[in-house]
Amino acid sequence: MNHAPEKALVSACLLGIACRYDGGHKHSAETETLKKRFELVPVCPEQLGGLPIPRPPAEIRGGDGGDVLDGNAHVIQIETGRDVSGAFVAGAEETLLIAKSYNIRKAFLKSRSPSCGCGEIKVGGEVIPGDGVTTALLKRNGIEVEAVE
């Protein structure tokens, strides 16, 4: 009997989809290996949260993604100073809905991103410990997340 491969979320930019803040992508060779083991379901939490492509770059200030979910930190567009926390949280929630609808238990997300970073995020040009908003929400809901370069 043939079994379908396990489904896993993946940051769409890692598959070569031009959805990053700068209108580009971050295609990763690692996704080619992942495609052999998983049925990949692409997501871009920032786009799912209603942000345009391209968009000003953003970073978490005052903590990490878990702190944003708890209302104790904010996601701020670096160039404009605009608080886009609501869009980041909405995108994380949409990503979680997709994961739940496909019974997904694993995600491979873009490293150091304010949405997708896992274990590390970039703030002020420096890499600091912490998770992005989407990663924090997925982890809170029992979904295993791995960072991909």
Protein backbone atom coordinates (compact mmCIF):
# COMPACT_ATOMS: atom_id res chain seq x y z
CA MET A 1 0.00 0.00 0.00
CA ASN A 2 1.36 3.41 -0.99
CA HIS A 3 1.34 6.06 1.72
CA ALA A 4 1.30 9.74 0.91
CA PRO A 5 4.28 11.64 2.30
CA GLU A 6 3.79 13.62 5.49
CA LYS A 7 2.81 17.23 4.86
CA ALA A 8 5.00 20.03 6.24
CA LEU A 9 4.79 23.81 6.09
CA VAL A 10 7.64 25.65 4.36
CA SER A 11 8.37 29.33 3.96
CA ALA A 12 7.33 30.11 0.39
CA CYS A 13 10.46 32.22 -0.20
CA LEU A 14 12.60 29.12 0.38
CA LEU A 15 10.91 27.48 -2.62
CA GLY A 16 11.87 30.40 -4.85
CA ILE A 17 8.54 32.25 -4.61
CA ALA A 18 9.15 36.01 -4.75
CA CYS A 19 7.29 37.01 -1.59
CA ARG A 20 10.01 38.53 0.62
CA TYR A 21 9.85 42.12 1.84
CA ASP A 22 12.22 43.16 -0.97
CA GLY A 23 10.19 41.39 -3.65
CA GLY A 24 12.77 38.63 -3.93
CA HIS A 25 13.09 35.08 -2.67
CA LYS A 26 15.65 33.02 -0.76
CA HIS A 27 15.51 29.73 -2.66
CA SER A 28 17.24 27.08 -0.59
CA ALA A 29 18.80 23.91 -1.96
CA GLU A 30 17.70 22.26 1.28
CA THR A 31 14.09 22.41 0.06
CA GLU A 32 14.99 20.02 -2.76
CA THR A 33 15.94 17.42 -0.13
CA LEU A 34 12.81 18.20 1.90
CA LYS A 35 10.62 17.64 -1.20
CA LYS A 36 11.81 14.01 -1.24
CA ARG A 37 10.60 13.44 2.34
CA PHE A 38 7.56 15.71 2.69
CA GLU A 39 4.69 17.15 0.74
CA LEU A 40 5.55 20.82 1.24
CA VAL A 41 2.79 23.37 1.81
CA PRO A 42 4.16 26.87 1.09
CA VAL A 43 3.22 29.79 3.33
CA CYS A 44 4.26 33.42 3.61
CA PRO A 45 2.88 34.63 6.95
CA GLU A 46 3.56 38.29 6.19
CA GLN A 47 1.60 38.05 2.93
CA LEU A 48 -1.14 36.03 4.67
CA GLY A 49 -1.35 38.86 7.21
CA GLY A 50 -2.13 41.34 4.42
CA LEU A 51 1.26 42.98 3.88
CA PRO A 52 2.20 43.86 0.28
CA ILE A 53 5.15 42.72 -1.81
CA PRO A 54 7.47 44.54 -1.69
CA ARG A 55 7.14 46.08 1.77
CA PRO A 56 9.48 47.94 4.13
CA PRO A 57 11.67 45.59 6.16
CA ALA A 58 10.53 45.04 9.75
CA GLU A 59 11.99 43.80 13.00
CA ILE A 60 10.74 42.84 16.43
CA ARG A 61 11.45 45.39 19.14
CA GLY A 62 11.17 44.72 22.85
CA GLY A 63 11.43 40.94 22.77
CA ASP A 64 10.72 38.11 20.34
CA GLY A 65 7.70 36.62 18.58
CA GLY A 66 6.28 35.18 21.78
CA ASP A 67 6.40 38.62 23.33
CA VAL A 68 4.59 40.06 20.28
CA LEU A 69 1.85 37.42 20.68
CA ASP A 70 1.53 38.39 24.35
CA GLY A 71 1.35 42.13 23.52
CA ASN A 72 4.68 42.89 25.21
CA ALA A 73 6.74 43.62 22.07
CA HIS A 74 6.03 45.03 18.62
CA VAL A 75 6.97 44.45 15.00
CA ILE A 76 8.10 47.77 13.57
CA GLN A 77 8.90 48.69 9.97
CA ILE A 78 12.50 49.86 10.13
CA GLU A 79 12.24 52.72 7.60
CA THR A 80 8.81 54.07 8.54
CA GLY A 81 8.48 53.28 12.25
CA ARG A 82 5.01 51.88 11.52
CA ASP A 83 3.78 49.19 13.92
CA VAL A 84 2.80 46.15 11.83
CA SER A 85 2.36 43.76 14.77
CA GLY A 86 -1.29 43.17 13.86
CA ALA A 87 -0.41 41.97 10.37
CA PHE A 88 2.33 39.68 11.72
CA VAL A 89 -0.04 38.14 14.29
CA ALA A 90 -2.81 37.76 11.70
CA GLY A 91 -0.39 36.03 9.32
CA ALA A 92 0.78 33.71 12.10
CA GLU A 93 -2.84 32.84 12.88
CA GLU A 94 -3.59 32.14 9.19
CA THR A 95 -0.49 29.94 9.00
CA LEU A 96 -1.65 28.00 12.06
CA LEU A 97 -5.10 27.53 10.46
CA ILE A 98 -3.44 26.07 7.36
CA ALA A 99 -1.34 23.74 9.52
CA LYS A 100 -4.39 22.58 11.45
CA SER A 101 -6.49 22.09 8.30
CA TYR A 102 -3.84 19.73 6.87
CA ASN A 103 -2.98 18.15 10.27
CA ILE A 104 0.60 19.38 9.84
CA ARG A 105 3.00 18.78 12.73
CA LYS A 106 6.26 20.09 11.20
CA ALA A 107 7.42 23.35 9.61
CA PHE A 108 10.61 24.42 7.84
CA LEU A 109 10.82 28.19 8.04
CA LYS A 110 13.22 30.95 6.93
CA SER A 111 15.92 31.58 9.47
CA ARG A 112 16.24 34.90 11.30
CA SER A 113 12.96 36.34 9.95
CA PRO A 114 10.67 38.37 12.25
CA SER A 115 7.89 35.98 11.18
CA CYS A 116 9.62 32.68 10.58
CA GLY A 117 12.88 32.85 12.54
CA CYS A 118 13.45 29.80 14.73
CA GLY A 119 15.88 30.19 17.62
CA GLU A 120 17.35 33.36 16.11
CA ILE A 121 15.96 36.64 14.79
CA LYS A 122 17.65 39.69 13.35
CA VAL A 123 17.31 43.01 15.20
CA GLY A 124 19.30 46.13 14.40
CA GLY A 125 21.48 44.17 12.01
CA GLU A 126 22.47 41.73 14.76
CA VAL A 127 21.35 38.14 15.24
CA ILE A 128 19.82 37.57 18.68
CA PRO A 129 18.20 34.55 20.35
CA GLY A 130 14.44 34.28 19.86
CA ASP A 131 11.66 33.11 17.58
CA GLY A 132 9.66 35.00 14.99
CA VAL A 133 5.93 35.58 15.51
CA THR A 134 4.74 32.66 13.36
CA THR A 135 7.30 30.25 14.79
CA ALA A 136 6.28 31.20 18.35
CA LEU A 137 2.60 30.55 17.60
CA LEU A 138 3.28 27.25 15.83
CA LYS A 139 5.45 26.04 18.72
CA ARG A 140 2.77 27.04 21.25
CA ASN A 141 0.43 24.76 19.30
CA GLY A 142 2.74 21.74 19.29
CA ILE A 143 4.14 22.12 15.79
CA GLU A 144 7.85 21.38 15.45
CA VAL A 145 9.73 24.15 13.64
CA GLU A 146 13.17 23.98 12.02
CA ALA A 147 15.09 26.94 10.65
CA VAL A 148 16.30 26.79 7.04
CA GLU A 149 18.92 29.13 5.56
